[in-house]
Amino acid sequence: MLLFLNIAQLLLYIGGLALIGQGLLFILSGQKRETNLFYQLFQIMNKPWTSIARFISPKQIADHQIPFVALCMVAILYIAVTLAKIEHCVSVGIELCQ
């Protein structure tokens, strides 16, 4: 169980950092962001998160707001997995969670 929680936490952490990186490049690159190699790599890395965010969000949410929705979703899931990991470690004993 602890391995599963660690893997889920790691995947969410990487996804969150990639979404933050894409947001920073969105601000710094300006109009030429679509030709920026690193921005394109972040878009590819974030495709699963943005697809899920588009699926669960209402149609009134604009496409340029979807990465922010994905970041909020990843942050909430990361907090939930972290709390589940803490609960698991407290229930089995802190010594077994190292």
N, C-alpha and C. Protein backbone atom coordinates (compact mmCIF):
# COMPACT_ATOMS: atom_id res chain seq x y z
N MET A 1 0.82 -1.20 0.00
CA MET A 1 0.00 0.00 0.00
C MET A 1 0.86 1.26 0.00
N LEU A 2 1.93 1.23 0.79
CA LEU A 2 2.81 2.40 0.86
C LEU A 2 3.49 2.65 -0.48
N LEU A 3 3.87 1.60 -1.18
CA LEU A 3 4.49 1.76 -2.50
C LEU A 3 3.52 2.41 -3.47
N PHE A 4 2.27 1.97 -3.46
CA PHE A 4 1.26 2.56 -4.34
C PHE A 4 1.07 4.05 -4.03
N LEU A 5 1.02 4.40 -2.75
CA LEU A 5 0.85 5.80 -2.37
C LEU A 5 2.06 6.64 -2.76
N ASN A 6 3.26 6.06 -2.62
CA ASN A 6 4.47 6.78 -3.03
C ASN A 6 4.50 7.02 -4.53
N ILE A 7 4.11 6.02 -5.31
CA ILE A 7 4.08 6.17 -6.77
C ILE A 7 3.05 7.21 -7.19
N ALA A 8 1.85 7.16 -6.58
CA ALA A 8 0.82 8.14 -6.91
C ALA A 8 1.27 9.55 -6.53
N GLN A 9 1.91 9.68 -5.39
CA GLN A 9 2.38 10.99 -4.96
C GLN A 9 3.47 11.51 -5.91
N LEU A 10 4.35 10.65 -6.35
CA LEU A 10 5.40 11.05 -7.27
C LEU A 10 4.83 11.49 -8.62
N LEU A 11 3.88 10.73 -9.15
CA LEU A 11 3.26 11.10 -10.43
C LEU A 11 2.54 12.45 -10.33
N LEU A 12 1.85 12.67 -9.23
CA LEU A 12 1.16 13.95 -9.05
C LEU A 12 2.16 15.09 -8.87
N TYR A 13 3.25 14.83 -8.19
CA TYR A 13 4.28 15.85 -7.99
C TYR A 13 4.91 16.26 -9.32
N ILE A 14 5.24 15.28 -10.15
CA ILE A 14 5.82 15.57 -11.46
C ILE A 14 4.81 16.33 -12.33
N GLY A 15 3.55 15.89 -12.30
CA GLY A 15 2.53 16.58 -13.07
C GLY A 15 2.32 18.01 -12.61
N GLY A 16 2.34 18.23 -11.32
CA GLY A 16 2.18 19.58 -10.79
C GLY A 16 3.33 20.49 -11.19
N LEU A 17 4.56 19.98 -11.08
CA LEU A 17 5.71 20.78 -11.48
C LEU A 17 5.71 21.07 -12.97
N ALA A 18 5.27 20.11 -13.78
CA ALA A 18 5.19 20.34 -15.23
C ALA A 18 4.13 21.39 -15.55
N LEU A 19 3.02 21.37 -14.85
CA LEU A 19 1.99 22.40 -15.07
C LEU A 19 2.47 23.77 -14.64
N ILE A 20 3.20 23.84 -13.54
CA ILE A 20 3.76 25.12 -13.10
C ILE A 20 4.80 25.61 -14.11
N GLY A 21 5.63 24.71 -14.62
CA GLY A 21 6.62 25.08 -15.63
C GLY A 21 5.97 25.59 -16.91
N GLN A 22 4.89 24.94 -17.32
CA GLN A 22 4.18 25.40 -18.50
C GLN A 22 3.58 26.79 -18.26
N GLY A 23 3.07 27.02 -17.07
CA GLY A 23 2.51 28.33 -16.75
C GLY A 23 3.57 29.42 -16.75
N LEU A 24 4.73 29.11 -16.21
CA LEU A 24 5.81 30.10 -16.22
C LEU A 24 6.28 30.41 -17.63
N LEU A 25 6.41 29.38 -18.46
CA LEU A 25 6.78 29.62 -19.85
C LEU A 25 5.69 30.34 -20.61
N PHE A 26 4.44 30.12 -20.25
CA PHE A 26 3.33 30.84 -20.87
C PHE A 26 3.50 32.34 -20.63
N ILE A 27 3.91 32.70 -19.41
CA ILE A 27 4.10 34.10 -19.07
C ILE A 27 5.38 34.66 -19.72
N LEU A 28 6.47 33.91 -19.65
CA LEU A 28 7.76 34.41 -20.11
C LEU A 28 7.92 34.40 -21.63
N SER A 29 7.31 33.46 -22.32
CA SER A 29 7.53 33.32 -23.75
C SER A 29 6.75 34.32 -24.59
N GLY A 30 5.64 34.75 -24.09
CA GLY A 30 4.83 35.68 -24.87
C GLY A 30 4.16 35.01 -26.05
N GLN A 31 4.12 35.70 -27.16
CA GLN A 31 3.41 35.19 -28.35
C GLN A 31 4.15 34.04 -29.04
N LYS A 32 5.43 33.89 -28.79
CA LYS A 32 6.21 32.85 -29.47
C LYS A 32 6.25 31.54 -28.69
N ARG A 33 5.33 31.37 -27.76
CA ARG A 33 5.38 30.17 -26.92
C ARG A 33 5.09 28.89 -27.70
N GLU A 34 4.31 28.96 -28.76
CA GLU A 34 3.99 27.75 -29.54
C GLU A 34 5.20 27.21 -30.29
N THR A 35 6.21 28.05 -30.53
CA THR A 35 7.43 27.58 -31.20
C THR A 35 8.52 27.23 -30.21
N ASN A 36 8.30 27.45 -28.92
CA ASN A 36 9.28 27.14 -27.89
C ASN A 36 9.29 25.63 -27.65
N LEU A 37 10.46 25.02 -27.75
CA LEU A 37 10.59 23.57 -27.61
C LEU A 37 10.17 23.09 -26.23
N PHE A 38 10.59 23.81 -25.18
CA PHE A 38 10.28 23.38 -23.83
C PHE A 38 8.79 23.54 -23.52
N TYR A 39 8.17 24.56 -24.07
CA TYR A 39 6.73 24.74 -23.89
C TYR A 39 5.98 23.57 -24.55
N GLN A 40 6.44 23.15 -25.71
CA GLN A 40 5.82 22.02 -26.39
C GLN A 40 6.02 20.73 -25.60
N LEU A 41 7.19 20.56 -24.99
CA LEU A 41 7.43 19.37 -24.16
C LEU A 41 6.50 19.36 -22.94
N PHE A 42 6.33 20.54 -22.32
CA PHE A 42 5.40 20.63 -21.19
C PHE A 42 3.98 20.33 -21.62
N GLN A 43 3.59 20.77 -22.81
CA GLN A 43 2.24 20.47 -23.30
C GLN A 43 2.04 18.97 -23.47
N ILE A 44 3.06 18.29 -23.97
CA ILE A 44 2.97 16.83 -24.15
C ILE A 44 2.91 16.14 -22.79
N MET A 45 3.74 16.59 -21.84
CA MET A 45 3.73 15.98 -20.50
C MET A 45 2.40 16.20 -19.79
N ASN A 46 1.77 17.33 -20.04
CA ASN A 46 0.55 17.69 -19.33
C ASN A 46 -0.72 17.25 -20.06
N LYS A 47 -0.58 16.61 -21.19
CA LYS A 47 -1.75 16.20 -21.97
C LYS A 47 -2.72 15.32 -21.16
N PRO A 48 -2.25 14.33 -20.38
CA PRO A 48 -3.21 13.53 -19.60
C PRO A 48 -3.98 14.37 -18.58
N TRP A 49 -3.28 15.29 -17.91
CA TRP A 49 -3.94 16.10 -16.89
C TRP A 49 -4.93 17.08 -17.51
N THR A 50 -4.54 17.69 -18.61
CA THR A 50 -5.45 18.65 -19.24
C THR A 50 -6.64 17.94 -19.88
N SER A 51 -6.44 16.73 -20.36
CA SER A 51 -7.57 15.97 -20.92
C SER A 51 -8.59 15.62 -19.83
N ILE A 52 -8.10 15.19 -18.69
CA ILE A 52 -9.00 14.88 -17.57
C ILE A 52 -9.71 16.14 -17.09
N ALA A 53 -8.96 17.25 -17.02
CA ALA A 53 -9.56 18.51 -16.59
C ALA A 53 -10.63 18.97 -17.57
N ARG A 54 -10.40 18.81 -18.86
CA ARG A 54 -11.41 19.19 -19.86
C ARG A 54 -12.64 18.31 -19.73
N PHE A 55 -12.44 17.02 -19.43
CA PHE A 55 -13.56 16.10 -19.32
C PHE A 55 -14.45 16.42 -18.11
N ILE A 56 -13.84 16.78 -16.98
CA ILE A 56 -14.65 17.00 -15.77
C ILE A 56 -15.14 18.44 -15.63
N SER A 57 -14.59 19.36 -16.40
CA SER A 57 -15.02 20.76 -16.25
C SER A 57 -16.23 21.04 -17.14
N PRO A 58 -17.04 22.01 -16.74
CA PRO A 58 -18.19 22.38 -17.57
C PRO A 58 -17.75 23.04 -18.87
N LYS A 59 -18.64 23.09 -19.81
CA LYS A 59 -18.31 23.63 -21.14
C LYS A 59 -18.07 25.14 -21.10
N GLN A 60 -18.49 25.83 -20.04
CA GLN A 60 -18.30 27.27 -19.96
C GLN A 60 -16.83 27.64 -19.70
N ILE A 61 -16.04 26.69 -19.25
CA ILE A 61 -14.62 26.94 -19.00
C ILE A 61 -13.90 27.03 -20.34
N ALA A 62 -13.20 28.14 -20.56
CA ALA A 62 -12.50 28.34 -21.83
C ALA A 62 -11.27 27.44 -21.91
N ASP A 63 -10.82 27.18 -23.14
CA ASP A 63 -9.68 26.28 -23.34
C ASP A 63 -8.40 26.81 -22.73
N HIS A 64 -8.22 28.12 -22.69
CA HIS A 64 -6.99 28.66 -22.13
C HIS A 64 -6.97 28.59 -20.60
N GLN A 65 -8.11 28.25 -19.98
CA GLN A 65 -8.18 28.11 -18.53
C GLN A 65 -8.01 26.66 -18.07
N ILE A 66 -8.01 25.73 -18.98
CA ILE A 66 -7.93 24.31 -18.64
C ILE A 66 -6.63 23.94 -17.92
N PRO A 67 -5.47 24.45 -18.31
CA PRO A 67 -4.27 24.10 -17.53
C PRO A 67 -4.36 24.54 -16.06
N PHE A 68 -4.99 25.67 -15.78
CA PHE A 68 -5.16 26.09 -14.38
C PHE A 68 -6.10 25.14 -13.65
N VAL A 69 -7.16 24.69 -14.31
CA VAL A 69 -8.07 23.71 -13.72
C VAL A 69 -7.31 22.41 -13.45
N ALA A 70 -6.45 22.01 -14.38
CA ALA A 70 -5.65 20.79 -14.20
C ALA A 70 -4.70 20.95 -13.02
N LEU A 71 -4.09 22.13 -12.87
CA LEU A 71 -3.20 22.36 -11.73
C LEU A 71 -3.96 22.28 -10.41
N CYS A 72 -5.14 22.86 -10.36
CA CYS A 72 -5.95 22.77 -9.13
C CYS A 72 -6.33 21.32 -8.83
N MET A 73 -6.68 20.58 -9.87
CA MET A 73 -7.05 19.18 -9.71
C MET A 73 -5.86 18.36 -9.19
N VAL A 74 -4.69 18.57 -9.77
CA VAL A 74 -3.49 17.85 -9.35
C VAL A 74 -3.13 18.22 -7.92
N ALA A 75 -3.26 19.48 -7.56
CA ALA A 75 -2.94 19.91 -6.19
C ALA A 75 -3.87 19.26 -5.18
N ILE A 76 -5.15 19.20 -5.49
CA ILE A 76 -6.12 18.58 -4.58
C ILE A 76 -5.84 17.08 -4.45
N LEU A 77 -5.55 16.42 -5.56
CA LEU A 77 -5.23 14.99 -5.52
C LEU A 77 -3.94 14.74 -4.75
N TYR A 78 -2.95 15.62 -4.91
CA TYR A 78 -1.69 15.46 -4.19
C TYR A 78 -1.92 15.58 -2.68
N ILE A 79 -2.71 16.53 -2.28
CA ILE A 79 -3.02 16.68 -0.85
C ILE A 79 -3.77 15.46 -0.34
N ALA A 80 -4.71 14.94 -1.13
CA ALA A 80 -5.47 13.76 -0.72
C ALA A 80 -4.56 12.54 -0.57
N VAL A 81 -3.65 12.34 -1.51
CA VAL A 81 -2.73 11.20 -1.43
C VAL A 81 -1.78 11.37 -0.25
N THR A 82 -1.33 12.58 -0.01
CA THR A 82 -0.46 12.83 1.13
C THR A 82 -1.17 12.52 2.45
N LEU A 83 -2.42 12.96 2.57
CA LEU A 83 -3.19 12.65 3.78
C LEU A 83 -3.43 11.16 3.93
N ALA A 84 -3.68 10.47 2.81
CA ALA A 84 -3.87 9.01 2.87
C ALA A 84 -2.57 8.32 3.30
N LYS A 85 -1.45 8.84 2.83
CA LYS A 85 -0.15 8.27 3.20
C LYS A 85 0.11 8.48 4.69
N ILE A 86 -0.20 9.67 5.20
CA ILE A 86 -0.04 9.94 6.63
C ILE A 86 -0.93 9.02 7.45
N GLU A 87 -2.18 8.86 7.03
CA GLU A 87 -3.11 7.99 7.75
C GLU A 87 -2.62 6.54 7.74
N HIS A 88 -2.11 6.10 6.60
CA HIS A 88 -1.60 4.74 6.51
C HIS A 88 -0.40 4.54 7.44
N CYS A 89 0.51 5.51 7.44
CA CYS A 89 1.70 5.38 8.27
C CYS A 89 1.38 5.42 9.75
N VAL A 90 0.37 6.19 10.14
CA VAL A 90 -0.02 6.24 11.53
C VAL A 90 -0.69 4.92 11.94
N SER A 91 -1.46 4.34 11.02
CA SER A 91 -2.18 3.10 11.36
C SER A 91 -1.24 1.89 11.46
N VAL A 92 -0.21 1.82 10.62
CA VAL A 92 0.69 0.65 10.68
C VAL A 92 1.89 0.90 11.59
N GLY A 93 2.10 2.13 11.96
CA GLY A 93 3.24 2.47 12.80
C GLY A 93 4.29 3.21 11.98
N ILE A 94 4.80 4.24 12.56
CA ILE A 94 5.76 5.08 11.85
C ILE A 94 7.03 4.31 11.51
N GLU A 95 7.40 3.35 12.32
CA GLU A 95 8.64 2.61 12.08
C GLU A 95 8.58 1.83 10.77
N LEU A 96 7.39 1.38 10.38
CA LEU A 96 7.25 0.57 9.16
C LEU A 96 7.14 1.42 7.90
N CYS A 97 7.09 2.73 8.03
CA CYS A 97 6.92 3.60 6.87
C CYS A 97 8.23 4.24 6.42
N GLN A 98 9.33 3.65 6.74
CA GLN A 98 10.59 4.25 6.32
C GLN A 98 11.22 3.52 5.22
